[in-house]
Amino acid sequence: MRAMKILEEIRATFRESGLRGVFKKYGWKLFLAFFIYYLVRDVLLYILLPYLLYKGVFT
């Protein structure tokens, strides 16, 4: 559950010092992780899933 602890620390930092404080403490890696997560999620949801449905893989 290390990930949950890190998320709690990020949330506490955000409450204390805002977005600028989170950026100071965790740097670009945190924002890059969020970007990659949403990029993969959106590609799966909005490109791959409709394509597979169209091709009839799920039917």
N, C-alpha and C. Protein backbone atom coordinates (compact mmCIF):
# COMPACT_ATOMS: atom_id res chain seq x y z
N MET A 1 0.81 -1.20 0.00
CA MET A 1 0.00 0.00 0.00
C MET A 1 0.85 1.26 0.00
N ARG A 2 2.03 1.16 -0.58
CA ARG A 2 2.92 2.32 -0.66
C ARG A 2 2.31 3.42 -1.52
N ALA A 3 1.58 3.03 -2.55
CA ALA A 3 0.97 4.03 -3.44
C ALA A 3 -0.06 4.87 -2.69
N MET A 4 -0.81 4.25 -1.82
CA MET A 4 -1.81 5.00 -1.05
C MET A 4 -1.13 6.00 -0.12
N LYS A 5 0.00 5.61 0.46
CA LYS A 5 0.72 6.51 1.35
C LYS A 5 1.25 7.71 0.57
N ILE A 6 1.77 7.46 -0.63
CA ILE A 6 2.28 8.55 -1.45
C ILE A 6 1.15 9.49 -1.84
N LEU A 7 -0.01 8.94 -2.21
CA LEU A 7 -1.14 9.79 -2.58
C LEU A 7 -1.62 10.63 -1.40
N GLU A 8 -1.60 10.06 -0.20
CA GLU A 8 -1.98 10.83 0.98
C GLU A 8 -0.99 11.96 1.24
N GLU A 9 0.31 11.69 1.03
CA GLU A 9 1.32 12.73 1.21
C GLU A 9 1.13 13.85 0.18
N ILE A 10 0.83 13.48 -1.04
CA ILE A 10 0.61 14.49 -2.09
C ILE A 10 -0.61 15.33 -1.75
N ARG A 11 -1.66 14.69 -1.29
CA ARG A 11 -2.88 15.42 -0.92
C ARG A 11 -2.61 16.38 0.23
N ALA A 12 -1.85 15.94 1.22
CA ALA A 12 -1.52 16.81 2.36
C ALA A 12 -0.67 17.99 1.91
N THR A 13 0.28 17.73 1.03
CA THR A 13 1.12 18.81 0.51
C THR A 13 0.29 19.80 -0.28
N PHE A 14 -0.65 19.31 -1.05
CA PHE A 14 -1.51 20.19 -1.84
C PHE A 14 -2.36 21.07 -0.94
N ARG A 15 -2.87 20.49 0.14
CA ARG A 15 -3.69 21.28 1.07
C ARG A 15 -2.87 22.36 1.77
N GLU A 16 -1.64 22.02 2.09
CA GLU A 16 -0.79 22.97 2.82
C GLU A 16 -0.25 24.09 1.94
N SER A 17 0.28 23.72 0.76
CA SER A 17 0.97 24.74 -0.03
C SER A 17 0.50 24.84 -1.48
N GLY A 18 -0.56 24.16 -1.83
CA GLY A 18 -1.12 24.29 -3.16
C GLY A 18 -0.35 23.56 -4.23
N LEU A 19 -0.70 23.85 -5.46
CA LEU A 19 -0.10 23.17 -6.60
C LEU A 19 1.39 23.48 -6.72
N ARG A 20 1.76 24.69 -6.39
CA ARG A 20 3.17 25.08 -6.46
C ARG A 20 4.01 24.26 -5.48
N GLY A 21 3.47 24.02 -4.30
CA GLY A 21 4.18 23.21 -3.31
C GLY A 21 4.33 21.76 -3.74
N VAL A 22 3.29 21.22 -4.36
CA VAL A 22 3.37 19.85 -4.87
C VAL A 22 4.43 19.76 -5.95
N PHE A 23 4.46 20.75 -6.83
CA PHE A 23 5.46 20.75 -7.90
C PHE A 23 6.88 20.86 -7.33
N LYS A 24 7.03 21.69 -6.30
CA LYS A 24 8.35 21.84 -5.68
C LYS A 24 8.83 20.54 -5.04
N LYS A 25 7.91 19.83 -4.39
CA LYS A 25 8.29 18.64 -3.65
C LYS A 25 8.47 17.42 -4.56
N TYR A 26 7.61 17.26 -5.55
CA TYR A 26 7.62 16.03 -6.35
C TYR A 26 8.12 16.23 -7.78
N GLY A 27 8.13 17.44 -8.25
CA GLY A 27 8.71 17.75 -9.55
C GLY A 27 7.89 17.26 -10.73
N TRP A 28 8.58 17.20 -11.87
CA TRP A 28 7.93 16.86 -13.13
C TRP A 28 7.48 15.41 -13.19
N LYS A 29 8.10 14.54 -12.41
CA LYS A 29 7.76 13.12 -12.47
C LYS A 29 6.30 12.86 -12.13
N LEU A 30 5.80 13.59 -11.14
CA LEU A 30 4.39 13.41 -10.75
C LEU A 30 3.46 13.82 -11.88
N PHE A 31 3.71 14.95 -12.48
CA PHE A 31 2.85 15.42 -13.55
C PHE A 31 2.99 14.56 -14.80
N LEU A 32 4.18 14.04 -15.04
CA LEU A 32 4.39 13.13 -16.16
C LEU A 32 3.62 11.83 -15.92
N ALA A 33 3.60 11.34 -14.69
CA ALA A 33 2.86 10.12 -14.37
C ALA A 33 1.37 10.31 -14.62
N PHE A 34 0.82 11.45 -14.20
CA PHE A 34 -0.60 11.72 -14.46
C PHE A 34 -0.88 11.83 -15.95
N PHE A 35 0.01 12.47 -16.68
CA PHE A 35 -0.18 12.62 -18.12
C PHE A 35 -0.19 11.26 -18.81
N ILE A 36 0.78 10.42 -18.48
CA ILE A 36 0.86 9.09 -19.08
C ILE A 36 -0.36 8.26 -18.72
N TYR A 37 -0.80 8.33 -17.46
CA TYR A 37 -1.98 7.58 -17.02
C TYR A 37 -3.20 7.96 -17.85
N TYR A 38 -3.46 9.27 -17.97
CA TYR A 38 -4.63 9.70 -18.72
C TYR A 38 -4.49 9.45 -20.21
N LEU A 39 -3.28 9.51 -20.74
CA LEU A 39 -3.06 9.22 -22.14
C LEU A 39 -3.41 7.75 -22.45
N VAL A 40 -2.92 6.84 -21.64
CA VAL A 40 -3.21 5.42 -21.84
C VAL A 40 -4.69 5.14 -21.65
N ARG A 41 -5.27 5.71 -20.61
CA ARG A 41 -6.69 5.49 -20.33
C ARG A 41 -7.57 5.98 -21.47
N ASP A 42 -7.29 7.16 -21.97
CA ASP A 42 -8.13 7.72 -23.03
C ASP A 42 -7.94 7.00 -24.35
N VAL A 43 -6.73 6.54 -24.64
CA VAL A 43 -6.52 5.77 -25.86
C VAL A 43 -7.32 4.47 -25.79
N LEU A 44 -7.31 3.83 -24.64
CA LEU A 44 -8.06 2.59 -24.50
C LEU A 44 -9.56 2.84 -24.62
N LEU A 45 -10.05 3.86 -23.95
CA LEU A 45 -11.49 4.11 -23.94
C LEU A 45 -12.04 4.68 -25.24
N TYR A 46 -11.32 5.59 -25.85
CA TYR A 46 -11.88 6.33 -26.97
C TYR A 46 -11.35 5.91 -28.34
N ILE A 47 -10.31 5.08 -28.37
CA ILE A 47 -9.79 4.64 -29.67
C ILE A 47 -9.87 3.12 -29.78
N LEU A 48 -9.24 2.41 -28.87
CA LEU A 48 -9.15 0.96 -28.98
C LEU A 48 -10.49 0.26 -28.78
N LEU A 49 -11.21 0.62 -27.75
CA LEU A 49 -12.50 -0.02 -27.48
C LEU A 49 -13.51 0.18 -28.61
N PRO A 50 -13.72 1.40 -29.12
CA PRO A 50 -14.63 1.54 -30.25
C PRO A 50 -14.15 0.80 -31.50
N TYR A 51 -12.84 0.77 -31.72
CA TYR A 51 -12.31 0.04 -32.87
C TYR A 51 -12.61 -1.45 -32.76
N LEU A 52 -12.38 -2.01 -31.58
CA LEU A 52 -12.66 -3.43 -31.39
C LEU A 52 -14.15 -3.73 -31.49
N LEU A 53 -14.97 -2.85 -30.97
CA LEU A 53 -16.42 -3.03 -31.11
C LEU A 53 -16.83 -2.97 -32.58
N TYR A 54 -16.25 -2.08 -33.31
CA TYR A 54 -16.57 -1.94 -34.74
C TYR A 54 -16.13 -3.17 -35.52
N LYS A 55 -14.99 -3.71 -35.17
CA LYS A 55 -14.47 -4.90 -35.87
C LYS A 55 -15.18 -6.18 -35.47
N GLY A 56 -15.97 -6.15 -34.42
CA GLY A 56 -16.74 -7.32 -34.02
C GLY A 56 -16.01 -8.27 -33.12
N VAL A 57 -14.98 -7.84 -32.44
CA VAL A 57 -14.25 -8.72 -31.54
C VAL A 57 -15.11 -9.12 -30.35
N PHE A 58 -15.95 -8.20 -29.88
CA PHE A 58 -16.75 -8.47 -28.70
C PHE A 58 -18.12 -9.07 -29.01
N THR A 59 -18.43 -9.27 -30.26
CA THR A 59 -19.75 -9.81 -30.60
C THR A 59 -19.70 -11.26 -30.97
